């Protein structure tokens, strides 16, 4: 419980081992970053997500899906006071809006993303 009370009682070689561990860890990170940048030009997770997002949002399926969701949500909004039809239809629409990421692997054609 009182960790900081016992810190001064750590022997000098404990601090030396801790410093050695920090140096080795930083060197490993440095080496890994430079090795990856040198040998794997394509390896950049952010570029992969950007590529996937760009490919999905420029397709015909995305435009159709976006139009379908916009029209259906607008219909639910306009009929919200008509015997609660709009509010009842909003539950399936919420499932469609929140479930669209499951369509990404099918649109891109890489089912291993599931």
PDB file of N, CA and C in Angstrom:
ATOM      1  N   UNK A   1       0.819  -1.202   0.000  1.00  0.00           N
ATOM      2  CA  UNK A   1       0.000   0.000   0.000  1.00  0.00           C
ATOM      3  C   UNK A   1       0.857   1.257   0.000  1.00  0.00           C
ATOM      4  N   UNK A   2       1.851   1.261   0.764  1.00  0.00           N
ATOM      5  CA  UNK A   2       2.691   2.457   0.859  1.00  0.00           C
ATOM      6  C   UNK A   2       3.948   2.254   0.013  1.00  0.00           C
ATOM      7  N   UNK A   3       3.732   2.316  -1.289  1.00  0.00           N
ATOM      8  CA  UNK A   3       4.809   2.051  -2.226  1.00  0.00           C
ATOM      9  C   UNK A   3       5.945   3.057  -2.073  1.00  0.00           C
ATOM     10  N   UNK A   4       5.578   4.323  -2.007  1.00  0.00           N
ATOM     11  CA  UNK A   4       6.610   5.366  -1.982  1.00  0.00           C
ATOM     12  C   UNK A   4       7.406   5.370  -0.687  1.00  0.00           C
ATOM     13  N   UNK A   5       6.881   4.756   0.354  1.00  0.00           N
ATOM     14  CA  UNK A   5       7.649   4.664   1.599  1.00  0.00           C
ATOM     15  C   UNK A   5       8.812   3.689   1.451  1.00  0.00           C
ATOM     16  N   UNK A   6       8.678   2.709   0.563  1.00  0.00           N
ATOM     17  CA  UNK A   6       9.712   1.689   0.396  1.00  0.00           C
ATOM     18  C   UNK A   6      10.688   1.994  -0.740  1.00  0.00           C
ATOM     19  N   UNK A   7      10.438   3.054  -1.493  1.00  0.00           N
ATOM     20  CA  UNK A   7      11.322   3.392  -2.611  1.00  0.00           C
ATOM     21  C   UNK A   7      12.746   3.692  -2.145  1.00  0.00           C
ATOM     22  N   UNK A   8      12.949   4.450  -1.076  1.00  0.00           N
ATOM     23  CA  UNK A   8      14.337   4.707  -0.664  1.00  0.00           C
ATOM     24  C   UNK A   8      15.084   3.440  -0.227  1.00  0.00           C
ATOM     25  N   UNK A   9      14.376   2.382   0.109  1.00  0.00           N
ATOM     26  CA  UNK A   9      15.048   1.169   0.563  1.00  0.00           C
ATOM     27  C   UNK A   9      15.457   0.242  -0.585  1.00  0.00           C
ATOM     28  N   UNK A  10      15.172   0.645  -1.847  1.00  0.00           N
ATOM     29  CA  UNK A  10      15.597  -0.160  -2.990  1.00  0.00           C
ATOM     30  C   UNK A  10      17.113  -0.030  -3.124  1.00  0.00           C
ATOM     31  N   UNK A  11      17.820  -1.143  -3.260  1.00  0.00           N
ATOM     32  CA  UNK A  11      19.280  -1.061  -3.371  1.00  0.00           C
ATOM     33  C   UNK A  11      19.716  -0.407  -4.682  1.00  0.00           C
ATOM     34  N   UNK A  12      20.963   0.024  -4.733  1.00  0.00           N
ATOM     35  CA  UNK A  12      21.488   0.744  -5.895  1.00  0.00           C
ATOM     36  C   UNK A  12      21.434  -0.093  -7.163  1.00  0.00           C
ATOM     37  N   UNK A  13      21.635  -1.402  -7.047  1.00  0.00           N
ATOM     38  CA  UNK A  13      21.618  -2.233  -8.238  1.00  0.00           C
ATOM     39  C   UNK A  13      20.200  -2.379  -8.794  1.00  0.00           C
ATOM     40  N   UNK A  14      19.186  -2.209  -7.977  1.00  0.00           N
ATOM     41  CA  UNK A  14      17.804  -2.203  -8.465  1.00  0.00           C
ATOM     42  C   UNK A  14      17.560  -1.015  -9.380  1.00  0.00           C
ATOM     43  N   UNK A  15      18.082   0.143  -8.977  1.00  0.00           N
ATOM     44  CA  UNK A  15      17.954   1.335  -9.809  1.00  0.00           C
ATOM     45  C   UNK A  15      18.773   1.202 -11.096  1.00  0.00           C
ATOM     46  N   UNK A  16      19.942   0.571 -10.981  1.00  0.00           N
ATOM     47  CA  UNK A  16      20.780   0.356 -12.153  1.00  0.00           C
ATOM     48  C   UNK A  16      20.086  -0.569 -13.156  1.00  0.00           C
ATOM     49  N   UNK A  17      19.483  -1.641 -12.663  1.00  0.00           N
ATOM     50  CA  UNK A  17      18.749  -2.547 -13.546  1.00  0.00           C
ATOM     51  C   UNK A  17      17.544  -1.855 -14.191  1.00  0.00           C
ATOM     52  N   UNK A  18      16.881  -1.004 -13.424  1.00  0.00           N
ATOM     53  CA  UNK A  18      15.738  -0.259 -13.966  1.00  0.00           C
ATOM     54  C   UNK A  18      16.193   0.693 -15.067  1.00  0.00           C
ATOM     55  N   UNK A  19      17.297   1.388 -14.868  1.00  0.00           N
ATOM     56  CA  UNK A  19      17.825   2.304 -15.887  1.00  0.00           C
ATOM     57  C   UNK A  19      18.240   1.526 -17.135  1.00  0.00           C
ATOM     58  N   UNK A  20      18.863   0.368 -16.939  1.00  0.00           N
ATOM     59  CA  UNK A  20      19.265  -0.465 -18.066  1.00  0.00           C
ATOM     60  C   UNK A  20      18.038  -0.923 -18.857  1.00  0.00           C
ATOM     61  N   UNK A  21      16.978  -1.291 -18.157  1.00  0.00           N
ATOM     62  CA  UNK A  21      15.740  -1.719 -18.811  1.00  0.00           C
ATOM     63  C   UNK A  21      15.141  -0.577 -19.637  1.00  0.00           C
ATOM     64  N   UNK A  22      15.151   0.642 -19.096  1.00  0.00           N
ATOM     65  CA  UNK A  22      14.600   1.788 -19.825  1.00  0.00           C
ATOM     66  C   UNK A  22      15.417   2.053 -21.087  1.00  0.00           C
ATOM     67  N   UNK A  23      16.727   1.990 -20.999  1.00  0.00           N
ATOM     68  CA  UNK A  23      17.584   2.228 -22.168  1.00  0.00           C
ATOM     69  C   UNK A  23      17.336   1.174 -23.242  1.00  0.00           C
ATOM     70  N   UNK A  24      17.274  -0.083 -22.851  1.00  0.00           N
ATOM     71  CA  UNK A  24      17.028  -1.161 -23.808  1.00  0.00           C
ATOM     72  C   UNK A  24      15.658  -1.004 -24.461  1.00  0.00           C
ATOM     73  N   UNK A  25      14.649  -0.648 -23.694  1.00  0.00           N
ATOM     74  CA  UNK A  25      13.303  -0.468 -24.234  1.00  0.00           C
ATOM     75  C   UNK A  25      13.263   0.670 -25.245  1.00  0.00           C
ATOM     76  N   UNK A  26      13.861   1.812 -24.918  1.00  0.00           N
ATOM     77  CA  UNK A  26      13.877   2.936 -25.847  1.00  0.00           C
ATOM     78  C   UNK A  26      14.657   2.606 -27.111  1.00  0.00           C
ATOM     79  N   UNK A  27      15.763   1.903 -26.972  1.00  0.00           N
ATOM     80  CA  UNK A  27      16.545   1.510 -28.145  1.00  0.00           C
ATOM     81  C   UNK A  27      15.760   0.551 -29.032  1.00  0.00           C
ATOM     82  N   UNK A  28      15.025  -0.356 -28.434  1.00  0.00           N
ATOM     83  CA  UNK A  28      14.215  -1.294 -29.200  1.00  0.00           C
ATOM     84  C   UNK A  28      13.117  -0.572 -29.959  1.00  0.00           C
ATOM     85  N   UNK A  29      12.450   0.365 -29.305  1.00  0.00           N
ATOM     86  CA  UNK A  29      11.424   1.159 -29.982  1.00  0.00           C
ATOM     87  C   UNK A  29      12.030   1.928 -31.156  1.00  0.00           C
ATOM     88  N   UNK A  30      13.172   2.566 -30.914  1.00  0.00           N
ATOM     89  CA  UNK A  30      13.838   3.340 -31.951  1.00  0.00           C
ATOM     90  C   UNK A  30      14.199   2.442 -33.142  1.00  0.00           C
ATOM     91  N   UNK A  31      14.782   1.303 -32.874  1.00  0.00           N
ATOM     92  CA  UNK A  31      15.165   0.375 -33.930  1.00  0.00           C
ATOM     93  C   UNK A  31      13.939  -0.138 -34.689  1.00  0.00           C
ATOM     94  N   UNK A  32      12.881  -0.465 -33.975  1.00  0.00           N
ATOM     95  CA  UNK A  32      11.676  -0.989 -34.620  1.00  0.00           C
ATOM     96  C   UNK A  32      11.045   0.043 -35.549  1.00  0.00           C
ATOM     97  N   UNK A  33      10.995   1.275 -35.109  1.00  0.00           N
ATOM     98  CA  UNK A  33      10.394   2.337 -35.926  1.00  0.00           C
ATOM     99  C   UNK A  33      11.209   2.553 -37.197  1.00  0.00           C
ATOM    100  N   UNK A  34      12.525   2.639 -37.063  1.00  0.00           N
ATOM    101  CA  UNK A  34      13.359   2.874 -38.238  1.00  0.00           C
ATOM    102  C   UNK A  34      13.402   1.668 -39.171  1.00  0.00           C
ATOM    103  N   UNK A  35      13.430   0.476 -38.628  1.00  0.00           N
ATOM    104  CA  UNK A  35      13.433  -0.724 -39.453  1.00  0.00           C
ATOM    105  C   UNK A  35      12.135  -0.833 -40.243  1.00  0.00           C
ATOM    106  N   UNK A  36      11.021  -0.562 -39.585  1.00  0.00           N
ATOM    107  CA  UNK A  36       9.725  -0.629 -40.248  1.00  0.00           C
ATOM    108  C   UNK A  36       9.617   0.430 -41.338  1.00  0.00           C
ATOM    109  N   UNK A  37      10.069   1.642 -41.055  1.00  0.00           N
ATOM    110  CA  UNK A  37      10.004   2.709 -42.050  1.00  0.00           C
ATOM    111  C   UNK A  37      10.902   2.410 -43.244  1.00  0.00           C
ATOM    112  N   UNK A  38      12.022   1.750 -43.015  1.00  0.00           N
ATOM    113  CA  UNK A  38      12.964   1.472 -44.094  1.00  0.00           C
ATOM    114  C   UNK A  38      12.517   0.310 -44.975  1.00  0.00           C
ATOM    115  N   UNK A  39      12.024  -0.751 -44.372  1.00  0.00           N
ATOM    116  CA  UNK A  39      11.747  -1.974 -45.107  1.00  0.00           C
ATOM    117  C   UNK A  39      10.289  -2.195 -45.472  1.00  0.00           C
ATOM    118  N   UNK A  40       9.397  -1.518 -44.802  1.00  0.00           N
ATOM    119  CA  UNK A  40       7.976  -1.690 -45.073  1.00  0.00           C
ATOM    120  C   UNK A  40       7.372  -0.325 -45.385  1.00  0.00           C
ATOM    121  N   UNK A  41       7.554   0.114 -46.625  1.00  0.00           N
ATOM    122  CA  UNK A  41       7.044   1.430 -47.011  1.00  0.00           C
ATOM    123  C   UNK A  41       5.537   1.513 -46.889  1.00  0.00           C
ATOM    124  N   UNK A  42       4.866   0.416 -47.177  1.00  0.00           N
ATOM    125  CA  UNK A  42       3.408   0.418 -47.167  1.00  0.00           C
ATOM    126  C   UNK A  42       2.863   0.340 -45.743  1.00  0.00           C
ATOM    127  N   UNK A  43       3.683  -0.122 -44.811  1.00  0.00           N
ATOM    128  CA  UNK A  43       3.191  -0.348 -43.454  1.00  0.00           C
ATOM    129  C   UNK A  43       2.966   0.975 -42.734  1.00  0.00           C
ATOM    130  N   UNK A  44       1.730   1.389 -42.715  1.00  0.00           N
ATOM    131  CA  UNK A  44       1.306   2.556 -41.966  1.00  0.00           C
ATOM    132  C   UNK A  44      -0.173   2.354 -41.655  1.00  0.00           C
ATOM    133  N   UNK A  45      -0.505   2.030 -40.433  1.00  0.00           N
ATOM    134  CA  UNK A  45      -1.908   1.728 -40.115  1.00  0.00           C
ATOM    135  C   UNK A  45      -2.877   2.854 -40.478  1.00  0.00           C
ATOM    136  N   UNK A  46      -2.449   4.095 -40.318  1.00  0.00           N
ATOM    137  CA  UNK A  46      -3.355   5.185 -40.653  1.00  0.00           C
ATOM    138  C   UNK A  46      -3.622   5.247 -42.144  1.00  0.00           C
ATOM    139  N   UNK A  47      -2.613   4.955 -42.967  1.00  0.00           N
ATOM    140  CA  UNK A  47      -2.836   4.921 -44.408  1.00  0.00           C
ATOM    141  C   UNK A  47      -3.784   3.793 -44.781  1.00  0.00           C
ATOM    142  N   UNK A  48      -3.699   2.682 -44.088  1.00  0.00           N
ATOM    143  CA  UNK A  48      -4.597   1.565 -44.379  1.00  0.00           C
ATOM    144  C   UNK A  48      -6.041   1.943 -44.075  1.00  0.00           C
ATOM    145  N   UNK A  49      -6.274   2.611 -42.955  1.00  0.00           N
ATOM    146  CA  UNK A  49      -7.634   3.037 -42.640  1.00  0.00           C
ATOM    147  C   UNK A  49      -8.119   4.086 -43.629  1.00  0.00           C
ATOM    148  N   UNK A  50      -7.231   5.005 -44.016  1.00  0.00           N
ATOM    149  CA  UNK A  50      -7.621   6.024 -44.983  1.00  0.00           C
ATOM    150  C   UNK A  50      -7.966   5.372 -46.320  1.00  0.00           C
ATOM    151  N   UNK A  51      -7.150   4.405 -46.750  1.00  0.00           N
ATOM    152  CA  UNK A  51      -7.418   3.711 -48.008  1.00  0.00           C
ATOM    153  C   UNK A  51      -8.769   3.010 -47.952  1.00  0.00           C
ATOM    154  N   UNK A  52      -9.040   2.329 -46.845  1.00  0.00           N
ATOM    155  CA  UNK A  52     -10.303   1.620 -46.711  1.00  0.00           C
ATOM    156  C   UNK A  52     -11.476   2.587 -46.722  1.00  0.00           C
ATOM    157  N   UNK A  53     -11.368   3.666 -45.964  1.00  0.00           N
ATOM    158  CA  UNK A  53     -12.443   4.660 -45.911  1.00  0.00           C
ATOM    159  C   UNK A  53     -12.649   5.296 -47.285  1.00  0.00           C
ATOM    160  N   UNK A  54     -11.569   5.624 -47.974  1.00  0.00           N
ATOM    161  CA  UNK A  54     -11.660   6.244 -49.292  1.00  0.00           C
ATOM    162  C   UNK A  54     -12.312   5.306 -50.295  1.00  0.00           C
ATOM    163  N   UNK A  55     -11.944   4.040 -50.244  1.00  0.00           N
ATOM    164  CA  UNK A  55     -12.497   3.069 -51.194  1.00  0.00           C
ATOM    165  C   UNK A  55     -13.993   2.828 -50.944  1.00  0.00           C
ATOM    166  N   UNK A  56     -14.373   2.806 -49.688  1.00  0.00           N
ATOM    167  CA  UNK A  56     -15.777   2.535 -49.359  1.00  0.00           C
ATOM    168  C   UNK A  56     -16.657   3.732 -49.675  1.00  0.00           C
ATOM    169  N   UNK A  57     -16.212   4.938 -49.341  1.00  0.00           N
ATOM    170  CA  UNK A  57     -17.084   6.105 -49.484  1.00  0.00           C
ATOM    171  C   UNK A  57     -17.207   6.607 -50.910  1.00  0.00           C
ATOM    172  N   UNK A  58     -16.354   6.152 -51.821  1.00  0.00           N
ATOM    173  CA  UNK A  58     -16.470   6.591 -53.208  1.00  0.00           C
ATOM    174  C   UNK A  58     -17.248   5.608 -54.078  1.00  0.00           C
ATOM    175  N   UNK A  59     -17.718   4.543 -53.496  1.00  0.00           N
ATOM    176  CA  UNK A  59     -18.409   3.526 -54.277  1.00  0.00           C
ATOM    177  C   UNK A  59     -19.887   3.822 -54.463  1.00  0.00           C
ATOM    178  N   UNK A  60     -20.468   3.114 -55.410  1.00  0.00           N
ATOM    179  CA  UNK A  60     -21.891   3.250 -55.708  1.00  0.00           C
ATOM    180  C   UNK A  60     -22.732   2.731 -54.552  1.00  0.00           C
ATOM    181  N   UNK A  61     -22.271   1.653 -53.940  1.00  0.00           N
ATOM    182  CA  UNK A  61     -23.024   1.076 -52.819  1.00  0.00           C
ATOM    183  C   UNK A  61     -23.122   2.065 -51.675  1.00  0.00           C
ATOM    184  N   UNK A  62     -22.033   2.777 -51.389  1.00  0.00           N
ATOM    185  CA  UNK A  62     -22.049   3.758 -50.291  1.00  0.00           C
ATOM    186  C   UNK A  62     -23.031   4.882 -50.578  1.00  0.00           C
ATOM    187  N   UNK A  63     -23.030   5.401 -51.804  1.00  0.00           N
ATOM    188  CA  UNK A  63     -23.951   6.492 -52.135  1.00  0.00           C
ATOM    189  C   UNK A  63     -25.400   6.024 -52.025  1.00  0.00           C
ATOM    190  N   UNK A  64     -25.679   4.816 -52.473  1.00  0.00           N
ATOM    191  CA  UNK A  64     -27.035   4.280 -52.369  1.00  0.00           C
ATOM    192  C   UNK A  64     -27.425   4.102 -50.902  1.00  0.00           C
ATOM    193  N   UNK A  65     -26.505   3.549 -50.109  1.00  0.00           N
ATOM    194  CA  UNK A  65     -26.771   3.323 -48.684  1.00  0.00           C
ATOM    195  C   UNK A  65     -26.983   4.639 -47.950  1.00  0.00           C
ATOM    196  N   UNK A  66     -26.158   5.616 -48.273  1.00  0.00           N
ATOM    197  CA  UNK A  66     -26.285   6.920 -47.624  1.00  0.00           C
ATOM    198  C   UNK A  66     -27.619   7.571 -47.988  1.00  0.00           C
ATOM    199  N   UNK A  67     -27.997   7.508 -49.253  1.00  0.00           N
ATOM    200  CA  UNK A  67     -29.273   8.072 -49.686  1.00  0.00           C
ATOM    201  C   UNK A  67     -30.437   7.349 -49.015  1.00  0.00           C
ATOM    202  N   UNK A  68     -30.347   6.023 -48.940  1.00  0.00           N
ATOM    203  CA  UNK A  68     -31.394   5.238 -48.313  1.00  0.00           C
ATOM    204  C   UNK A  68     -31.558   5.607 -46.839  1.00  0.00           C
ATOM    205  N   UNK A  69     -30.457   5.720 -46.124  1.00  0.00           N
ATOM    206  CA  UNK A  69     -30.540   6.066 -44.706  1.00  0.00           C
ATOM    207  C   UNK A  69     -31.024   7.493 -44.495  1.00  0.00           C
ATOM    208  N   UNK A  70     -30.585   8.409 -45.334  1.00  0.00           N
ATOM    209  CA  UNK A  70     -31.046   9.794 -45.196  1.00  0.00           C
ATOM    210  C   UNK A  70     -32.543   9.910 -45.440  1.00  0.00           C
ATOM    211  N   UNK A  71     -33.022   9.262 -46.490  1.00  0.00           N
ATOM    212  CA  UNK A  71     -34.460   9.328 -46.804  1.00  0.00           C
ATOM    213  C   UNK A  71     -35.294   8.654 -45.711  1.00  0.00           C
ATOM    214  N   UNK A  72     -34.839   7.504 -45.239  1.00  0.00           N
ATOM    215  CA  UNK A  72     -35.603   6.795 -44.207  1.00  0.00           C
ATOM    216  C   UNK A  72     -35.607   7.574 -42.891  1.00  0.00           C
ATOM    217  N   UNK A  73     -34.484   8.163 -42.534  1.00  0.00           N
ATOM    218  CA  UNK A  73     -34.441   8.954 -41.303  1.00  0.00           C
ATOM    219  C   UNK A  73     -35.320  10.187 -41.429  1.00  0.00           C
ATOM    220  N   UNK A  74     -35.309  10.814 -42.568  1.00  0.00           N
ATOM    221  CA  UNK A  74     -36.162  11.982 -42.806  1.00  0.00           C
ATOM    222  C   UNK A  74     -37.640  11.592 -42.713  1.00  0.00           C
ATOM    223  N   UNK A  75     -38.005  10.434 -43.280  1.00  0.00           N
ATOM    224  CA  UNK A  75     -39.379   9.957 -43.195  1.00  0.00           C
ATOM    225  C   UNK A  75     -39.780   9.723 -41.737  1.00  0.00           C
ATOM    226  N   UNK A  76     -38.887   9.107 -40.963  1.00  0.00           N
ATOM    227  CA  UNK A  76     -39.181   8.872 -39.541  1.00  0.00           C
ATOM    228  C   UNK A  76     -39.360  10.185 -38.799  1.00  0.00           C
ATOM    229  N   UNK A  77     -38.562  11.178 -39.154  1.00  0.00           N
ATOM    230  CA  UNK A  77     -38.682  12.469 -38.490  1.00  0.00           C
ATOM    231  C   UNK A  77     -40.003  13.153 -38.848  1.00  0.00           C
ATOM    232  N   UNK A  78     -40.382  13.095 -40.102  1.00  0.00           N
ATOM    233  CA  UNK A  78     -41.615  13.758 -40.523  1.00  0.00           C
ATOM    234  C   UNK A  78     -42.863  13.071 -39.986  1.00  0.00           C
ATOM    235  N   UNK A  79     -42.814  11.770 -39.732  1.00  0.00           N
ATOM    236  CA  UNK A  79     -43.988  11.036 -39.242  1.00  0.00           C
ATOM    237  C   UNK A  79     -43.901  10.738 -37.749  1.00  0.00           C
ATOM    238  N   UNK A  80     -43.110  11.482 -37.020  1.00  0.00           N
ATOM    239  CA  UNK A  80     -42.935  11.202 -35.591  1.00  0.00           C
ATOM    240  C   UNK A  80     -44.200  11.470 -34.783  1.00  0.00           C
ATOM    241  N   UNK A  81     -45.033  12.369 -35.239  1.00  0.00           N
ATOM    242  CA  UNK A  81     -46.260  12.693 -34.509  1.00  0.00           C
ATOM    243  C   UNK A  81     -47.484  11.966 -35.050  1.00  0.00           C
ATOM    244  N   UNK A  82     -47.327  11.174 -36.080  1.00  0.00           N
ATOM    245  CA  UNK A  82     -48.443  10.475 -36.704  1.00  0.00           C
ATOM    246  C   UNK A  82     -48.569   9.084 -36.086  1.00  0.00           C
ATOM    247  N   UNK A  83     -49.251   9.017 -34.953  1.00  0.00           N
ATOM    248  CA  UNK A  83     -49.481   7.759 -34.235  1.00  0.00           C
ATOM    249  C   UNK A  83     -48.178   7.022 -33.916  1.00  0.00           C
ATOM    250  N   UNK A  84     -47.151   7.738 -33.636  1.00  0.00           N
ATOM    251  CA  UNK A  84     -45.844   7.171 -33.255  1.00  0.00           C
ATOM    252  C   UNK A  84     -45.204   6.291 -34.333  1.00  0.00           C
ATOM    253  N   UNK A  85     -45.645   6.422 -35.576  1.00  0.00           N
ATOM    254  CA  UNK A  85     -45.079   5.593 -36.641  1.00  0.00           C
ATOM    255  C   UNK A  85     -43.598   5.901 -36.814  1.00  0.00           C
ATOM    256  N   UNK A  86     -43.268   7.174 -36.848  1.00  0.00           N
ATOM    257  CA  UNK A  86     -41.871   7.559 -37.025  1.00  0.00           C
ATOM    258  C   UNK A  86     -40.983   7.081 -35.887  1.00  0.00           C
ATOM    259  N   UNK A  87     -41.517   7.142 -34.670  1.00  0.00           N
ATOM    260  CA  UNK A  87     -40.725   6.694 -33.533  1.00  0.00           C
ATOM    261  C   UNK A  87     -40.557   5.173 -33.519  1.00  0.00           C
ATOM    262  N   UNK A  88     -41.573   4.458 -33.950  1.00  0.00           N
ATOM    263  CA  UNK A  88     -41.450   2.999 -34.022  1.00  0.00           C
ATOM    264  C   UNK A  88     -40.494   2.567 -35.144  1.00  0.00           C
ATOM    265  N   UNK A  89     -40.530   3.276 -36.253  1.00  0.00           N
ATOM    266  CA  UNK A  89     -39.633   2.948 -37.354  1.00  0.00           C
ATOM    267  C   UNK A  89     -38.186   3.350 -37.068  1.00  0.00           C
ATOM    268  N   UNK A  90     -38.018   4.189 -36.070  1.00  0.00           N
ATOM    269  CA  UNK A  90     -36.661   4.634 -35.762  1.00  0.00           C
ATOM    270  C   UNK A  90     -35.807   3.510 -35.172  1.00  0.00           C
ATOM    271  N   UNK A  91     -36.433   2.507 -34.526  1.00  0.00           N
ATOM    272  CA  UNK A  91     -35.653   1.385 -33.974  1.00  0.00           C
ATOM    273  C   UNK A  91     -34.930   0.597 -35.061  1.00  0.00           C
ATOM    274  N   UNK A  92     -35.606   0.196 -36.152  1.00  0.00           N
ATOM    275  CA  UNK A  92     -34.851  -0.470 -37.225  1.00  0.00           C
ATOM    276  C   UNK A  92     -33.828   0.461 -37.882  1.00  0.00           C
ATOM    277  N   UNK A  93     -34.150   1.741 -37.966  1.00  0.00           N
ATOM    278  CA  UNK A  93     -33.196   2.687 -38.544  1.00  0.00           C
ATOM    279  C   UNK A  93     -31.948   2.814 -37.676  1.00  0.00           C
ATOM    280  N   UNK A  94     -32.135   2.786 -36.376  1.00  0.00           N
ATOM    281  CA  UNK A  94     -30.983   2.835 -35.478  1.00  0.00           C
ATOM    282  C   UNK A  94     -30.096   1.612 -35.697  1.00  0.00           C
ATOM    283  N   UNK A  95     -30.706   0.456 -35.904  1.00  0.00           N
ATOM    284  CA  UNK A  95     -29.924  -0.745 -36.206  1.00  0.00           C
ATOM    285  C   UNK A  95     -29.167  -0.622 -37.516  1.00  0.00           C
ATOM    286  N   UNK A  96     -29.794  -0.008 -38.514  1.00  0.00           N
ATOM    287  CA  UNK A  96     -29.125   0.181 -39.804  1.00  0.00           C
ATOM    288  C   UNK A  96     -27.975   1.177 -39.693  1.00  0.00           C
ATOM    289  N   UNK A  97     -28.222   2.273 -38.973  1.00  0.00           N
ATOM    290  CA  UNK A  97     -27.161   3.271 -38.817  1.00  0.00           C
ATOM    291  C   UNK A  97     -25.983   2.722 -38.024  1.00  0.00           C
ATOM    292  N   UNK A  98     -26.273   1.991 -36.956  1.00  0.00           N
ATOM    293  CA  UNK A  98     -25.172   1.487 -36.120  1.00  0.00           C
ATOM    294  C   UNK A  98     -24.566   0.213 -36.673  1.00  0.00           C
ATOM    295  N   UNK A  99     -25.244  -0.466 -37.582  1.00  0.00           N
ATOM    296  CA  UNK A  99     -24.710  -1.710 -38.116  1.00  0.00           C
ATOM    297  C   UNK A  99     -23.990  -1.571 -39.441  1.00  0.00           C
ATOM    298  N   UNK A 100     -23.832  -0.338 -39.942  1.00  0.00           N
ATOM    299  CA  UNK A 100     -23.192  -0.171 -41.246  1.00  0.00           C
ATOM    300  C   UNK A 100     -21.740  -0.624 -41.266  1.00  0.00           C
ATOM    301  N   UNK A 101     -20.982  -0.589 -40.171  1.00  0.00           N
ATOM    302  CA  UNK A 101     -19.595  -1.080 -40.275  1.00  0.00           C
ATOM    303  C   UNK A 101     -19.507  -2.562 -40.633  1.00  0.00           C
ATOM    304  N   UNK A 102     -20.555  -3.325 -40.368  1.00  0.00           N
ATOM    305  CA  UNK A 102     -20.522  -4.730 -40.741  1.00  0.00           C
ATOM    306  C   UNK A 102     -20.568  -4.915 -42.258  1.00  0.00           C
ATOM    307  N   UNK A 103     -20.987  -3.893 -42.981  1.00  0.00           N
ATOM    308  CA  UNK A 103     -21.026  -3.973 -44.441  1.00  0.00           C
ATOM    309  C   UNK A 103     -19.661  -3.707 -45.078  1.00  0.00           C
ATOM    310  N   UNK A 104     -18.753  -3.075 -44.351  1.00  0.00           N
ATOM    311  CA  UNK A 104     -17.452  -2.717 -44.921  1.00  0.00           C
ATOM    312  C   UNK A 104     -16.708  -3.896 -45.533  1.00  0.00           C
ATOM    313  N   UNK A 105     -16.581  -5.031 -44.855  1.00  0.00           N
ATOM    314  CA  UNK A 105     -15.844  -6.138 -45.481  1.00  0.00           C
ATOM    315  C   UNK A 105     -16.497  -6.643 -46.761  1.00  0.00           C
ATOM    316  N   UNK A 106     -17.811  -6.602 -46.846  1.00  0.00           N
ATOM    317  CA  UNK A 106     -18.486  -7.061 -48.046  1.00  0.00           C
ATOM    318  C   UNK A 106     -18.304  -6.073 -49.199  1.00  0.00           C
ATOM    319  N   UNK A 107     -18.317  -4.773 -48.892  1.00  0.00           N
ATOM    320  CA  UNK A 107     -18.149  -3.757 -49.924  1.00  0.00           C
ATOM    321  C   UNK A 107     -16.729  -3.811 -50.489  1.00  0.00           C
ATOM    322  N   UNK A 108     -15.748  -3.925 -49.611  1.00  0.00           N
ATOM    323  CA  UNK A 108     -14.355  -3.915 -50.043  1.00  0.00           C
ATOM    324  C   UNK A 108     -13.946  -5.253 -50.624  1.00  0.00           C
ATOM    325  N   UNK A 109     -14.599  -6.312 -50.186  1.00  0.00           N
ATOM    326  CA  UNK A 109     -14.276  -7.644 -50.684  1.00  0.00           C
ATOM    327  C   UNK A 109     -13.232  -8.362 -49.865  1.00  0.00           C
ATOM    328  N   UNK A 110     -12.984  -7.888 -48.653  1.00  0.00           N
ATOM    329  CA  UNK A 110     -12.030  -8.557 -47.760  1.00  0.00           C
ATOM    330  C   UNK A 110     -12.781  -9.036 -46.537  1.00  0.00           C
ATOM    331  N   UNK A 111     -13.226 -10.259 -46.591  1.00  0.00           N
ATOM    332  CA  UNK A 111     -14.053 -10.795 -45.517  1.00  0.00           C
ATOM    333  C   UNK A 111     -13.267 -11.093 -44.251  1.00  0.00           C
ATOM    334  N   UNK A 112     -11.958 -11.076 -44.315  1.00  0.00           N
ATOM    335  CA  UNK A 112     -11.187 -11.345 -43.098  1.00  0.00           C
ATOM    336  C   UNK A 112     -11.257 -10.187 -42.118  1.00  0.00           C
ATOM    337  N   UNK A 113     -11.822  -9.044 -42.520  1.00  0.00           N
ATOM    338  CA  UNK A 113     -12.002  -7.927 -41.589  1.00  0.00           C
ATOM    339  C   UNK A 113     -13.102  -8.214 -40.573  1.00  0.00           C
ATOM    340  N   UNK A 114     -13.953  -9.177 -40.877  1.00  0.00           N
ATOM    341  CA  UNK A 114     -15.016  -9.536 -39.934  1.00  0.00           C
ATOM    342  C   UNK A 114     -14.378 -10.188 -38.738  1.00  0.00           C
TER     343      UNK A 114
END
